[in-house]
């Protein structure tokens, strides 16, 4: 994972102004942006973002602004 790719991913997800996206969209975006090379890496990355409080994972939804 590269920091540049993580920042690009956050911009891509936030650009549409959505508050909640499907979990599968986060995984696909992680892979397409080069943050993760495989599905397992994408899942690990999503968990790391959740643990860090950057996003909130709940069931099959990703809350992009957990502080709200």
PDB file of N, CA and C in Angstrom:
ATOM      1  N   UNK A   1       0.841  -1.180   0.000  1.00  0.00           N
ATOM      2  CA  UNK A   1       0.000   0.000   0.000  1.00  0.00           C
ATOM      3  C   UNK A   1       0.880   1.234   0.000  1.00  0.00           C
ATOM      4  N   UNK A   2       0.454   2.174  -0.794  1.00  0.00           N
ATOM      5  CA  UNK A   2       1.166   3.442  -0.824  1.00  0.00           C
ATOM      6  C   UNK A   2       0.245   4.541  -0.323  1.00  0.00           C
ATOM      7  N   UNK A   3       0.815   5.485   0.370  1.00  0.00           N
ATOM      8  CA  UNK A   3       0.028   6.583   0.922  1.00  0.00           C
ATOM      9  C   UNK A   3      -0.669   7.367  -0.178  1.00  0.00           C
ATOM     10  N   UNK A   4       0.007   7.555  -1.303  1.00  0.00           N
ATOM     11  CA  UNK A   4      -0.583   8.293  -2.418  1.00  0.00           C
ATOM     12  C   UNK A   4      -1.859   7.600  -2.885  1.00  0.00           C
ATOM     13  N   UNK A   5      -1.814   6.282  -3.000  1.00  0.00           N
ATOM     14  CA  UNK A   5      -2.989   5.529  -3.430  1.00  0.00           C
ATOM     15  C   UNK A   5      -4.117   5.618  -2.409  1.00  0.00           C
ATOM     16  N   UNK A   6      -3.779   5.625  -1.145  1.00  0.00           N
ATOM     17  CA  UNK A   6      -4.798   5.733  -0.099  1.00  0.00           C
ATOM     18  C   UNK A   6      -5.495   7.088  -0.197  1.00  0.00           C
ATOM     19  N   UNK A   7      -4.732   8.145  -0.388  1.00  0.00           N
ATOM     20  CA  UNK A   7      -5.316   9.477  -0.526  1.00  0.00           C
ATOM     21  C   UNK A   7      -6.196   9.560  -1.766  1.00  0.00           C
ATOM     22  N   UNK A   8      -5.755   8.975  -2.864  1.00  0.00           N
ATOM     23  CA  UNK A   8      -6.554   8.954  -4.099  1.00  0.00           C
ATOM     24  C   UNK A   8      -7.851   8.188  -3.887  1.00  0.00           C
ATOM     25  N   UNK A   9      -7.769   7.094  -3.164  1.00  0.00           N
ATOM     26  CA  UNK A   9      -8.957   6.287  -2.881  1.00  0.00           C
ATOM     27  C   UNK A   9      -9.958   7.091  -2.059  1.00  0.00           C
ATOM     28  N   UNK A  10      -9.483   7.776  -1.034  1.00  0.00           N
ATOM     29  CA  UNK A  10     -10.368   8.579  -0.202  1.00  0.00           C
ATOM     30  C   UNK A  10     -11.034   9.676  -1.027  1.00  0.00           C
ATOM     31  N   UNK A  11     -10.277  10.288  -1.929  1.00  0.00           N
ATOM     32  CA  UNK A  11     -10.844  11.322  -2.788  1.00  0.00           C
ATOM     33  C   UNK A  11     -11.895  10.730  -3.721  1.00  0.00           C
ATOM     34  N   UNK A  12     -11.590   9.583  -4.319  1.00  0.00           N
ATOM     35  CA  UNK A  12     -12.526   8.942  -5.250  1.00  0.00           C
ATOM     36  C   UNK A  12     -13.834   8.588  -4.552  1.00  0.00           C
ATOM     37  N   UNK A  13     -13.757   8.038  -3.371  1.00  0.00           N
ATOM     38  CA  UNK A  13     -14.960   7.643  -2.639  1.00  0.00           C
ATOM     39  C   UNK A  13     -15.744   8.855  -2.144  1.00  0.00           C
ATOM     40  N   UNK A  14     -15.050   9.901  -1.774  1.00  0.00           N
ATOM     41  CA  UNK A  14     -15.714  11.086  -1.239  1.00  0.00           C
ATOM     42  C   UNK A  14     -16.206  12.056  -2.289  1.00  0.00           C
ATOM     43  N   UNK A  15     -15.720  11.925  -3.503  1.00  0.00           N
ATOM     44  CA  UNK A  15     -16.047  12.862  -4.575  1.00  0.00           C
ATOM     45  C   UNK A  15     -17.523  12.826  -4.958  1.00  0.00           C
ATOM     46  N   UNK A  16     -18.151  11.693  -4.805  1.00  0.00           N
ATOM     47  CA  UNK A  16     -19.551  11.561  -5.186  1.00  0.00           C
ATOM     48  C   UNK A  16     -20.490  12.095  -4.109  1.00  0.00           C
ATOM     49  N   UNK A  17     -19.951  12.490  -2.982  1.00  0.00           N
ATOM     50  CA  UNK A  17     -20.760  13.061  -1.916  1.00  0.00           C
ATOM     51  C   UNK A  17     -21.602  12.058  -1.151  1.00  0.00           C
ATOM     52  N   UNK A  18     -21.305  10.805  -1.300  1.00  0.00           N
ATOM     53  CA  UNK A  18     -22.077   9.768  -0.612  1.00  0.00           C
ATOM     54  C   UNK A  18     -21.590   9.611   0.822  1.00  0.00           C
ATOM     55  N   UNK A  19     -22.515   9.290   1.686  1.00  0.00           N
ATOM     56  CA  UNK A  19     -22.185   9.021   3.081  1.00  0.00           C
ATOM     57  C   UNK A  19     -21.967   7.532   3.320  1.00  0.00           C
ATOM     58  N   UNK A  20     -22.699   6.696   2.564  1.00  0.00           N
ATOM     59  CA  UNK A  20     -22.664   5.245   2.742  1.00  0.00           C
ATOM     60  C   UNK A  20     -22.506   4.593   1.374  1.00  0.00           C
ATOM     61  N   UNK A  21     -21.597   3.616   1.312  1.00  0.00           N
ATOM     62  CA  UNK A  21     -21.407   2.852   0.077  1.00  0.00           C
ATOM     63  C   UNK A  21     -21.437   1.365   0.418  1.00  0.00           C
ATOM     64  N   UNK A  22     -21.711   0.526  -0.559  1.00  0.00           N
ATOM     65  CA  UNK A  22     -21.641  -0.920  -0.312  1.00  0.00           C
ATOM     66  C   UNK A  22     -20.196  -1.357  -0.037  1.00  0.00           C
ATOM     67  N   UNK A  23     -20.052  -2.341   0.813  1.00  0.00           N
ATOM     68  CA  UNK A  23     -18.731  -2.885   1.153  1.00  0.00           C
ATOM     69  C   UNK A  23     -18.004  -3.358  -0.098  1.00  0.00           C
ATOM     70  N   UNK A  24     -18.743  -3.972  -1.016  1.00  0.00           N
ATOM     71  CA  UNK A  24     -18.128  -4.474  -2.251  1.00  0.00           C
ATOM     72  C   UNK A  24     -17.529  -3.342  -3.079  1.00  0.00           C
ATOM     73  N   UNK A  25     -18.132  -2.151  -3.031  1.00  0.00           N
ATOM     74  CA  UNK A  25     -17.580  -1.002  -3.756  1.00  0.00           C
ATOM     75  C   UNK A  25     -16.237  -0.578  -3.172  1.00  0.00           C
ATOM     76  N   UNK A  26     -16.121  -0.614  -1.852  1.00  0.00           N
ATOM     77  CA  UNK A  26     -14.848  -0.274  -1.211  1.00  0.00           C
ATOM     78  C   UNK A  26     -13.768  -1.265  -1.616  1.00  0.00           C
ATOM     79  N   UNK A  27     -14.104  -2.546  -1.600  1.00  0.00           N
ATOM     80  CA  UNK A  27     -13.124  -3.566  -1.977  1.00  0.00           C
ATOM     81  C   UNK A  27     -12.695  -3.396  -3.428  1.00  0.00           C
ATOM     82  N   UNK A  28     -13.650  -3.168  -4.309  1.00  0.00           N
ATOM     83  CA  UNK A  28     -13.332  -2.996  -5.730  1.00  0.00           C
ATOM     84  C   UNK A  28     -12.511  -1.732  -5.960  1.00  0.00           C
ATOM     85  N   UNK A  29     -12.870  -0.645  -5.298  1.00  0.00           N
ATOM     86  CA  UNK A  29     -12.117   0.601  -5.440  1.00  0.00           C
ATOM     87  C   UNK A  29     -10.687   0.430  -4.925  1.00  0.00           C
ATOM     88  N   UNK A  30     -10.517  -0.291  -3.838  1.00  0.00           N
ATOM     89  CA  UNK A  30      -9.176  -0.541  -3.292  1.00  0.00           C
ATOM     90  C   UNK A  30      -8.307  -1.275  -4.298  1.00  0.00           C
ATOM     91  N   UNK A  31      -8.894  -2.240  -4.960  1.00  0.00           N
ATOM     92  CA  UNK A  31      -8.141  -3.013  -5.949  1.00  0.00           C
ATOM     93  C   UNK A  31      -7.888  -2.197  -7.210  1.00  0.00           C
ATOM     94  N   UNK A  32      -8.879  -1.475  -7.693  1.00  0.00           N
ATOM     95  CA  UNK A  32      -8.720  -0.730  -8.944  1.00  0.00           C
ATOM     96  C   UNK A  32      -7.764   0.452  -8.798  1.00  0.00           C
ATOM     97  N   UNK A  33      -7.673   1.022  -7.594  1.00  0.00           N
ATOM     98  CA  UNK A  33      -6.777   2.159  -7.359  1.00  0.00           C
ATOM     99  C   UNK A  33      -5.360   1.716  -7.004  1.00  0.00           C
ATOM    100  N   UNK A  34      -5.151   0.420  -6.860  1.00  0.00           N
ATOM    101  CA  UNK A  34      -3.815  -0.077  -6.567  1.00  0.00           C
ATOM    102  C   UNK A  34      -3.450  -0.093  -5.096  1.00  0.00           C
ATOM    103  N   UNK A  35      -4.415   0.172  -4.234  1.00  0.00           N
ATOM    104  CA  UNK A  35      -4.152   0.128  -2.795  1.00  0.00           C
ATOM    105  C   UNK A  35      -3.961  -1.313  -2.350  1.00  0.00           C
ATOM    106  N   UNK A  36      -4.737  -2.209  -2.947  1.00  0.00           N
ATOM    107  CA  UNK A  36      -4.651  -3.640  -2.636  1.00  0.00           C
ATOM    108  C   UNK A  36      -4.500  -4.416  -3.939  1.00  0.00           C
ATOM    109  N   UNK A  37      -3.708  -5.470  -3.882  1.00  0.00           N
ATOM    110  CA  UNK A  37      -3.477  -6.283  -5.079  1.00  0.00           C
ATOM    111  C   UNK A  37      -4.422  -7.464  -5.187  1.00  0.00           C
ATOM    112  N   UNK A  38      -5.016  -7.849  -4.081  1.00  0.00           N
ATOM    113  CA  UNK A  38      -5.900  -9.015  -4.077  1.00  0.00           C
ATOM    114  C   UNK A  38      -7.111  -8.718  -3.200  1.00  0.00           C
ATOM    115  N   UNK A  39      -8.073  -9.615  -3.263  1.00  0.00           N
ATOM    116  CA  UNK A  39      -9.266  -9.465  -2.429  1.00  0.00           C
ATOM    117  C   UNK A  39      -8.904  -9.535  -0.949  1.00  0.00           C
ATOM    118  N   UNK A  40      -7.987 -10.432  -0.592  1.00  0.00           N
ATOM    119  CA  UNK A  40      -7.566 -10.549   0.813  1.00  0.00           C
ATOM    120  C   UNK A  40      -6.917  -9.262   1.309  1.00  0.00           C
ATOM    121  N   UNK A  41      -6.079  -8.647   0.472  1.00  0.00           N
ATOM    122  CA  UNK A  41      -5.451  -7.379   0.855  1.00  0.00           C
ATOM    123  C   UNK A  41      -6.500  -6.283   0.994  1.00  0.00           C
ATOM    124  N   UNK A  42      -7.488  -6.275   0.111  1.00  0.00           N
ATOM    125  CA  UNK A  42      -8.551  -5.271   0.178  1.00  0.00           C
ATOM    126  C   UNK A  42      -9.359  -5.419   1.463  1.00  0.00           C
ATOM    127  N   UNK A  43      -9.649  -6.653   1.846  1.00  0.00           N
ATOM    128  CA  UNK A  43     -10.382  -6.909   3.092  1.00  0.00           C
ATOM    129  C   UNK A  43      -9.546  -6.446   4.291  1.00  0.00           C
ATOM    130  N   UNK A  44      -8.259  -6.759   4.287  1.00  0.00           N
ATOM    131  CA  UNK A  44      -7.370  -6.331   5.377  1.00  0.00           C
ATOM    132  C   UNK A  44      -7.279  -4.815   5.444  1.00  0.00           C
ATOM    133  N   UNK A  45      -7.211  -4.183   4.286  1.00  0.00           N
ATOM    134  CA  UNK A  45      -7.142  -2.726   4.223  1.00  0.00           C
ATOM    135  C   UNK A  45      -8.425  -2.107   4.788  1.00  0.00           C
ATOM    136  N   UNK A  46      -9.573  -2.668   4.423  1.00  0.00           N
ATOM    137  CA  UNK A  46     -10.851  -2.165   4.933  1.00  0.00           C
ATOM    138  C   UNK A  46     -10.910  -2.295   6.454  1.00  0.00           C
ATOM    139  N   UNK A  47     -10.444  -3.413   6.968  1.00  0.00           N
ATOM    140  CA  UNK A  47     -10.418  -3.602   8.433  1.00  0.00           C
ATOM    141  C   UNK A  47      -9.497  -2.581   9.103  1.00  0.00           C
ATOM    142  N   UNK A  48      -8.350  -2.317   8.478  1.00  0.00           N
ATOM    143  CA  UNK A  48      -7.406  -1.343   9.034  1.00  0.00           C
ATOM    144  C   UNK A  48      -8.029   0.053   9.063  1.00  0.00           C
ATOM    145  N   UNK A  49      -8.736   0.424   8.007  1.00  0.00           N
ATOM    146  CA  UNK A  49      -9.413   1.725   7.988  1.00  0.00           C
ATOM    147  C   UNK A  49     -10.489   1.792   9.067  1.00  0.00           C
ATOM    148  N   UNK A  50     -11.205   0.699   9.252  1.00  0.00           N
ATOM    149  CA  UNK A  50     -12.236   0.635  10.288  1.00  0.00           C
ATOM    150  C   UNK A  50     -11.601   0.750  11.676  1.00  0.00           C
ATOM    151  N   UNK A  51     -10.530   0.009  11.909  1.00  0.00           N
ATOM    152  CA  UNK A  51      -9.839   0.052  13.207  1.00  0.00           C
ATOM    153  C   UNK A  51      -9.284   1.440  13.511  1.00  0.00           C
ATOM    154  N   UNK A  52      -8.848   2.149  12.461  1.00  0.00           N
ATOM    155  CA  UNK A  52      -8.275   3.482  12.637  1.00  0.00           C
ATOM    156  C   UNK A  52      -9.349   4.562  12.767  1.00  0.00           C
ATOM    157  N   UNK A  53     -10.606   4.194  12.538  1.00  0.00           N
ATOM    158  CA  UNK A  53     -11.690   5.162  12.648  1.00  0.00           C
ATOM    159  C   UNK A  53     -11.887   6.021  11.418  1.00  0.00           C
ATOM    160  N   UNK A  54     -11.237   5.660  10.318  1.00  0.00           N
ATOM    161  CA  UNK A  54     -11.368   6.422   9.078  1.00  0.00           C
ATOM    162  C   UNK A  54     -12.728   6.163   8.438  1.00  0.00           C
ATOM    163  N   UNK A  55     -13.190   4.928   8.528  1.00  0.00           N
ATOM    164  CA  UNK A  55     -14.507   4.524   8.045  1.00  0.00           C
ATOM    165  C   UNK A  55     -15.161   3.686   9.135  1.00  0.00           C
ATOM    166  N   UNK A  56     -16.440   3.412   8.951  1.00  0.00           N
ATOM    167  CA  UNK A  56     -17.150   2.518   9.858  1.00  0.00           C
ATOM    168  C   UNK A  56     -17.761   1.406   9.025  1.00  0.00           C
ATOM    169  N   UNK A  57     -17.369   0.177   9.323  1.00  0.00           N
ATOM    170  CA  UNK A  57     -17.935  -0.984   8.644  1.00  0.00           C
ATOM    171  C   UNK A  57     -19.067  -1.529   9.493  1.00  0.00           C
ATOM    172  N   UNK A  58     -20.227  -1.712   8.869  1.00  0.00           N
ATOM    173  CA  UNK A  58     -21.365  -2.305   9.560  1.00  0.00           C
ATOM    174  C   UNK A  58     -22.122  -3.152   8.559  1.00  0.00           C
ATOM    175  N   UNK A  59     -22.068  -4.455   8.793  1.00  0.00           N
ATOM    176  CA  UNK A  59     -22.660  -5.441   7.894  1.00  0.00           C
ATOM    177  C   UNK A  59     -22.079  -5.271   6.504  1.00  0.00           C
ATOM    178  N   UNK A  60     -22.900  -4.984   5.509  1.00  0.00           N
ATOM    179  CA  UNK A  60     -22.373  -4.854   4.150  1.00  0.00           C
ATOM    180  C   UNK A  60     -22.306  -3.395   3.701  1.00  0.00           C
ATOM    181  N   UNK A  61     -22.267  -2.480   4.673  1.00  0.00           N
ATOM    182  CA  UNK A  61     -22.217  -1.048   4.381  1.00  0.00           C
ATOM    183  C   UNK A  61     -20.930  -0.435   4.921  1.00  0.00           C
ATOM    184  N   UNK A  62     -20.473   0.609   4.235  1.00  0.00           N
ATOM    185  CA  UNK A  62     -19.303   1.366   4.663  1.00  0.00           C
ATOM    186  C   UNK A  62     -19.745   2.810   4.867  1.00  0.00           C
ATOM    187  N   UNK A  63     -19.611   3.288   6.078  1.00  0.00           N
ATOM    188  CA  UNK A  63     -19.933   4.676   6.389  1.00  0.00           C
ATOM    189  C   UNK A  63     -18.646   5.477   6.254  1.00  0.00           C
ATOM    190  N   UNK A  64     -18.642   6.393   5.283  1.00  0.00           N
ATOM    191  CA  UNK A  64     -17.416   7.115   4.950  1.00  0.00           C
ATOM    192  C   UNK A  64     -17.070   8.208   5.952  1.00  0.00           C
ATOM    193  N   UNK A  65     -18.048   8.674   6.706  1.00  0.00           N
ATOM    194  CA  UNK A  65     -17.816   9.729   7.694  1.00  0.00           C
ATOM    195  C   UNK A  65     -18.351   9.267   9.047  1.00  0.00           C
ATOM    196  N   UNK A  66     -17.616   8.403   9.724  1.00  0.00           N
ATOM    197  CA  UNK A  66     -18.125   7.835  10.982  1.00  0.00           C
ATOM    198  C   UNK A  66     -18.308   8.861  12.092  1.00  0.00           C
ATOM    199  N   UNK A  67     -17.691  10.013  11.963  1.00  0.00           N
ATOM    200  CA  UNK A  67     -17.798  11.023  13.013  1.00  0.00           C
ATOM    201  C   UNK A  67     -19.155  11.716  13.011  1.00  0.00           C
ATOM    202  N   UNK A  68     -19.928  11.553  11.953  1.00  0.00           N
ATOM    203  CA  UNK A  68     -21.245  12.211  11.861  1.00  0.00           C
ATOM    204  C   UNK A  68     -22.303  11.426  12.586  1.00  0.00           C
TER     205      UNK A  68
END
